[in-house]
Amino acid sequence: MAYARANTIQTVRDYVSRMCTDVPGMKVLVMDTETTGIVSMVFTQTQVLQHEVFMTDTIERQRSEKMPHLKAVYFVRPTADNVRRIQAELREPRFGEYHLFFSNMARDGMIQQLAEADEHEVVQQVRSRERGCRQQVLRAGAFRRWWGERSATPRGTKA
């Protein structure tokens, strides 16, 4: 049982570390109540800062201060409420880039809703965790105004 717990902690630690290192530069880590608890169990504030996380915030808090020089890394549950909050944020973006990471598998309908809200094309990637903590890249690079294109290559790269 102790091995399973240590393995789970390491898996979560690796996932969060990868989220932060995959997004170079200064960033804001935005979480919901559940993911805040998850991250606080596996990282200290100092360890989070070592990943160039300038500040942490909660998705539930409404702010209007624009910080286009920062990148937003969202680590949230794929719930209808969180998707609505992200949609509202994307319609009037506060940050220069958005990198969305879900703690569980997100339904395609949720991803489509986010793509449609990304009118300013600020979303750089969306990742969803599958069972077993494997990552699946659902959308890499900027969303398109049309949903038909399902490119998995980041903006500016060739497949």
C-alpha atoms as a PDB file:
ATOM      1  CA  MET A   1       0.000   0.000   0.000  1.00  0.00           C
ATOM      2  CA  ALA A   2       2.864   2.394   0.823  1.00  0.00           C
ATOM      3  CA  TYR A   3       4.420   1.724  -2.581  1.00  0.00           C
ATOM      4  CA  ALA A   4       1.141   2.502  -4.358  1.00  0.00           C
ATOM      5  CA  ARG A   5       0.794   5.771  -2.432  1.00  0.00           C
ATOM      6  CA  ALA A   6       4.409   6.776  -3.171  1.00  0.00           C
ATOM      7  CA  ASN A   7       3.923   5.848  -6.821  1.00  0.00           C
ATOM      8  CA  THR A   8       0.744   7.957  -7.033  1.00  0.00           C
ATOM      9  CA  ILE A   9       2.462  10.943  -5.426  1.00  0.00           C
ATOM     10  CA  GLN A  10       5.382  10.641  -7.838  1.00  0.00           C
ATOM     11  CA  THR A  11       3.029  10.341 -10.812  1.00  0.00           C
ATOM     12  CA  VAL A  12       1.183  13.513  -9.817  1.00  0.00           C
ATOM     13  CA  ARG A  13       4.478  15.289  -9.107  1.00  0.00           C
ATOM     14  CA  ASP A  14       5.757  14.303 -12.570  1.00  0.00           C
ATOM     15  CA  TYR A  15       2.547  15.455 -14.269  1.00  0.00           C
ATOM     16  CA  VAL A  16       2.590  18.871 -12.589  1.00  0.00           C
ATOM     17  CA  SER A  17       6.335  19.281 -13.211  1.00  0.00           C
ATOM     18  CA  ARG A  18       5.855  18.439 -16.875  1.00  0.00           C
ATOM     19  CA  MET A  19       3.017  20.972 -17.144  1.00  0.00           C
ATOM     20  CA  CYS A  20       5.252  23.720 -15.818  1.00  0.00           C
ATOM     21  CA  THR A  21       8.429  22.785 -17.717  1.00  0.00           C
ATOM     22  CA  ASP A  22       6.559  22.352 -21.027  1.00  0.00           C
ATOM     23  CA  VAL A  23       5.608  26.027 -20.778  1.00  0.00           C
ATOM     24  CA  PRO A  24       8.863  28.015 -20.645  1.00  0.00           C
ATOM     25  CA  GLY A  25       9.039  31.454 -19.051  1.00  0.00           C
ATOM     26  CA  MET A  26       7.126  33.194 -16.293  1.00  0.00           C
ATOM     27  CA  LYS A  27       3.660  31.839 -15.753  1.00  0.00           C
ATOM     28  CA  VAL A  28       0.584  31.872 -13.553  1.00  0.00           C
ATOM     29  CA  LEU A  29      -0.704  28.508 -12.314  1.00  0.00           C
ATOM     30  CA  VAL A  30      -4.508  28.603 -12.155  1.00  0.00           C
ATOM     31  CA  MET A  31      -6.251  25.730 -10.347  1.00  0.00           C
ATOM     32  CA  ASP A  32      -9.639  24.822  -8.962  1.00  0.00           C
ATOM     33  CA  THR A  33     -10.288  23.777  -5.362  1.00  0.00           C
ATOM     34  CA  GLU A  34      -9.584  20.100  -5.986  1.00  0.00           C
ATOM     35  CA  THR A  35      -6.418  20.536  -8.042  1.00  0.00           C
ATOM     36  CA  THR A  36      -5.101  23.108  -5.552  1.00  0.00           C
ATOM     37  CA  GLY A  37      -5.355  20.408  -2.895  1.00  0.00           C
ATOM     38  CA  ILE A  38      -3.608  17.898  -5.143  1.00  0.00           C
ATOM     39  CA  VAL A  39      -0.707  20.219  -5.940  1.00  0.00           C
ATOM     40  CA  SER A  40      -0.300  21.355  -2.322  1.00  0.00           C
ATOM     41  CA  MET A  41       0.035  17.714  -1.235  1.00  0.00           C
ATOM     42  CA  VAL A  42       2.967  17.013  -3.572  1.00  0.00           C
ATOM     43  CA  PHE A  43       4.747  20.394  -3.838  1.00  0.00           C
ATOM     44  CA  THR A  44       5.797  23.142  -1.476  1.00  0.00           C
ATOM     45  CA  GLN A  45       5.379  26.763  -2.537  1.00  0.00           C
ATOM     46  CA  THR A  46       9.161  26.975  -3.021  1.00  0.00           C
ATOM     47  CA  GLN A  47       9.126  23.954  -5.340  1.00  0.00           C
ATOM     48  CA  VAL A  48       6.344  25.519  -7.404  1.00  0.00           C
ATOM     49  CA  LEU A  49       8.333  28.762  -7.701  1.00  0.00           C
ATOM     50  CA  GLN A  50      11.325  26.805  -9.011  1.00  0.00           C
ATOM     51  CA  HIS A  51       9.242  26.033 -12.110  1.00  0.00           C
ATOM     52  CA  GLU A  52       9.037  29.762 -12.986  1.00  0.00           C
ATOM     53  CA  VAL A  53       5.522  30.034 -11.558  1.00  0.00           C
ATOM     54  CA  PHE A  54       5.188  33.732 -10.776  1.00  0.00           C
ATOM     55  CA  MET A  55       1.924  33.289  -8.881  1.00  0.00           C
ATOM     56  CA  THR A  56      -0.894  30.859  -8.254  1.00  0.00           C
ATOM     57  CA  ASP A  57      -4.575  31.663  -8.561  1.00  0.00           C
ATOM     58  CA  THR A  58      -7.932  29.925  -8.330  1.00  0.00           C
ATOM     59  CA  ILE A  59     -10.294  29.612 -11.258  1.00  0.00           C
ATOM     60  CA  GLU A  60     -13.186  30.588  -8.986  1.00  0.00           C
ATOM     61  CA  ARG A  61     -11.732  34.045  -8.301  1.00  0.00           C
ATOM     62  CA  GLN A  62     -12.799  36.737 -10.730  1.00  0.00           C
ATOM     63  CA  ARG A  63     -10.087  39.188 -11.672  1.00  0.00           C
ATOM     64  CA  SER A  64      -9.845  41.855 -14.311  1.00  0.00           C
ATOM     65  CA  GLU A  65      -6.157  42.763 -14.124  1.00  0.00           C
ATOM     66  CA  LYS A  66      -4.532  42.059 -17.499  1.00  0.00           C
ATOM     67  CA  MET A  67      -1.057  40.520 -17.544  1.00  0.00           C
ATOM     68  CA  PRO A  68      -0.291  39.842 -21.224  1.00  0.00           C
ATOM     69  CA  HIS A  69       3.399  39.286 -20.453  1.00  0.00           C
ATOM     70  CA  LEU A  70       2.548  36.131 -18.466  1.00  0.00           C
ATOM     71  CA  LYS A  71       1.453  32.704 -19.630  1.00  0.00           C
ATOM     72  CA  ALA A  72      -1.454  30.997 -17.906  1.00  0.00           C
ATOM     73  CA  VAL A  73      -1.184  27.318 -17.051  1.00  0.00           C
ATOM     74  CA  TYR A  74      -4.604  25.991 -16.033  1.00  0.00           C
ATOM     75  CA  PHE A  75      -4.723  22.734 -14.075  1.00  0.00           C
ATOM     76  CA  VAL A  76      -8.384  22.039 -13.408  1.00  0.00           C
ATOM     77  CA  ARG A  77     -11.009  19.298 -13.388  1.00  0.00           C
ATOM     78  CA  PRO A  78     -12.958  18.947 -16.649  1.00  0.00           C
ATOM     79  CA  THR A  79     -16.281  20.111 -15.206  1.00  0.00           C
ATOM     80  CA  ALA A  80     -19.015  22.159 -16.854  1.00  0.00           C
ATOM     81  CA  ASP A  81     -18.410  25.027 -14.377  1.00  0.00           C
ATOM     82  CA  ASN A  82     -14.673  25.120 -15.094  1.00  0.00           C
ATOM     83  CA  VAL A  83     -15.249  25.029 -18.850  1.00  0.00           C
ATOM     84  CA  ARG A  84     -17.687  27.968 -18.543  1.00  0.00           C
ATOM     85  CA  ARG A  85     -15.130  29.923 -16.505  1.00  0.00           C
ATOM     86  CA  ILE A  86     -12.381  29.248 -19.039  1.00  0.00           C
ATOM     87  CA  GLN A  87     -14.704  30.224 -21.907  1.00  0.00           C
ATOM     88  CA  ALA A  88     -15.401  33.568 -20.227  1.00  0.00           C
ATOM     89  CA  GLU A  89     -11.668  34.083 -19.690  1.00  0.00           C
ATOM     90  CA  LEU A  90     -10.853  33.289 -23.325  1.00  0.00           C
ATOM     91  CA  ARG A  91     -13.404  35.789 -24.588  1.00  0.00           C
ATOM     92  CA  GLU A  92     -11.544  38.545 -22.706  1.00  0.00           C
ATOM     93  CA  PRO A  93      -8.064  37.110 -22.133  1.00  0.00           C
ATOM     94  CA  ARG A  94      -5.937  38.476 -19.314  1.00  0.00           C
ATOM     95  CA  PHE A  95      -2.797  36.551 -20.260  1.00  0.00           C
ATOM     96  CA  GLY A  96      -0.716  36.322 -23.418  1.00  0.00           C
ATOM     97  CA  GLU A  97      -0.998  32.542 -23.719  1.00  0.00           C
ATOM     98  CA  TYR A  98      -3.148  29.795 -22.262  1.00  0.00           C
ATOM     99  CA  HIS A  99      -2.070  26.211 -21.651  1.00  0.00           C
ATOM    100  CA  LEU A 100      -4.949  24.063 -20.417  1.00  0.00           C
ATOM    101  CA  PHE A 101      -4.350  20.834 -18.504  1.00  0.00           C
ATOM    102  CA  PHE A 102      -7.210  18.742 -17.164  1.00  0.00           C
ATOM    103  CA  SER A 103      -6.896  16.405 -14.187  1.00  0.00           C
ATOM    104  CA  ASN A 104      -9.096  13.824 -15.922  1.00  0.00           C
ATOM    105  CA  MET A 105     -10.253  12.937 -19.405  1.00  0.00           C
ATOM    106  CA  ALA A 106     -12.204  15.800 -20.956  1.00  0.00           C
ATOM    107  CA  ARG A 107     -15.080  15.087 -23.299  1.00  0.00           C
ATOM    108  CA  ASP A 108     -14.690  16.238 -26.906  1.00  0.00           C
ATOM    109  CA  GLY A 109     -17.731  18.493 -26.492  1.00  0.00           C
ATOM    110  CA  MET A 110     -15.894  20.420 -23.786  1.00  0.00           C
ATOM    111  CA  ILE A 111     -12.859  20.849 -26.004  1.00  0.00           C
ATOM    112  CA  GLN A 112     -15.058  22.091 -28.827  1.00  0.00           C
ATOM    113  CA  GLN A 113     -16.698  24.654 -26.515  1.00  0.00           C
ATOM    114  CA  LEU A 114     -13.264  25.960 -25.544  1.00  0.00           C
ATOM    115  CA  ALA A 115     -12.128  26.077 -29.168  1.00  0.00           C
ATOM    116  CA  GLU A 116     -15.160  28.137 -30.121  1.00  0.00           C
ATOM    117  CA  ALA A 117     -14.508  30.589 -27.266  1.00  0.00           C
ATOM    118  CA  ASP A 118     -10.851  31.102 -28.276  1.00  0.00           C
ATOM    119  CA  GLU A 119     -11.556  34.002 -30.638  1.00  0.00           C
ATOM    120  CA  HIS A 120      -8.203  35.650 -29.866  1.00  0.00           C
ATOM    121  CA  GLU A 121      -6.284  32.396 -30.547  1.00  0.00           C
ATOM    122  CA  VAL A 122      -4.444  32.521 -27.231  1.00  0.00           C
ATOM    123  CA  VAL A 123      -4.767  28.811 -26.379  1.00  0.00           C
ATOM    124  CA  GLN A 124      -1.527  27.052 -27.180  1.00  0.00           C
ATOM    125  CA  GLN A 125      -2.374  23.554 -25.963  1.00  0.00           C
ATOM    126  CA  VAL A 126      -4.979  21.444 -24.228  1.00  0.00           C
ATOM    127  CA  ARG A 127      -4.035  18.222 -22.476  1.00  0.00           C
ATOM    128  CA  SER A 128      -6.180  15.738 -20.679  1.00  0.00           C
ATOM    129  CA  ARG A 129      -5.140  12.958 -18.332  1.00  0.00           C
ATOM    130  CA  GLU A 130      -6.364   9.473 -19.038  1.00  0.00           C
ATOM    131  CA  ARG A 131      -6.721   6.687 -16.537  1.00  0.00           C
ATOM    132  CA  GLY A 132      -3.275   5.534 -15.460  1.00  0.00           C
ATOM    133  CA  CYS A 133      -2.000   9.132 -15.578  1.00  0.00           C
ATOM    134  CA  ARG A 134      -1.061   8.901 -19.234  1.00  0.00           C
ATOM    135  CA  GLN A 135      -1.318  12.196 -21.061  1.00  0.00           C
ATOM    136  CA  GLN A 136      -3.179  12.555 -24.280  1.00  0.00           C
ATOM    137  CA  VAL A 137      -2.671  15.712 -26.288  1.00  0.00           C
ATOM    138  CA  LEU A 138      -6.090  16.689 -27.545  1.00  0.00           C
ATOM    139  CA  ARG A 139      -5.155  19.948 -29.208  1.00  0.00           C
ATOM    140  CA  ALA A 140      -1.687  21.342 -29.599  1.00  0.00           C
ATOM    141  CA  GLY A 141      -1.090  24.820 -30.910  1.00  0.00           C
ATOM    142  CA  ALA A 142      -3.733  27.431 -31.372  1.00  0.00           C
ATOM    143  CA  PHE A 143      -7.362  26.527 -31.795  1.00  0.00           C
ATOM    144  CA  ARG A 144      -8.925  27.388 -35.090  1.00  0.00           C
ATOM    145  CA  ARG A 145     -12.179  29.261 -35.582  1.00  0.00           C
ATOM    146  CA  TRP A 146     -13.377  26.218 -37.498  1.00  0.00           C
ATOM    147  CA  TRP A 147     -13.625  22.881 -35.744  1.00  0.00           C
ATOM    148  CA  GLY A 148     -12.952  20.663 -38.745  1.00  0.00           C
ATOM    149  CA  GLU A 149      -9.156  20.937 -38.502  1.00  0.00           C
ATOM    150  CA  ARG A 150      -7.802  18.457 -35.957  1.00  0.00           C
ATOM    151  CA  SER A 151      -4.129  19.289 -36.190  1.00  0.00           C
ATOM    152  CA  ALA A 152      -1.868  17.921 -33.483  1.00  0.00           C
ATOM    153  CA  THR A 153       1.117  20.039 -34.443  1.00  0.00           C
ATOM    154  CA  PRO A 154       1.924  23.268 -32.598  1.00  0.00           C
ATOM    155  CA  ARG A 155       1.678  26.598 -34.346  1.00  0.00           C
ATOM    156  CA  GLY A 156       4.661  27.282 -36.601  1.00  0.00           C
ATOM    157  CA  THR A 157       5.737  23.635 -36.959  1.00  0.00           C
ATOM    158  CA  LYS A 158       5.236  21.124 -39.733  1.00  0.00           C
ATOM    159  CA  ALA A 159       3.737  17.700 -39.270  1.00  0.00           C
END
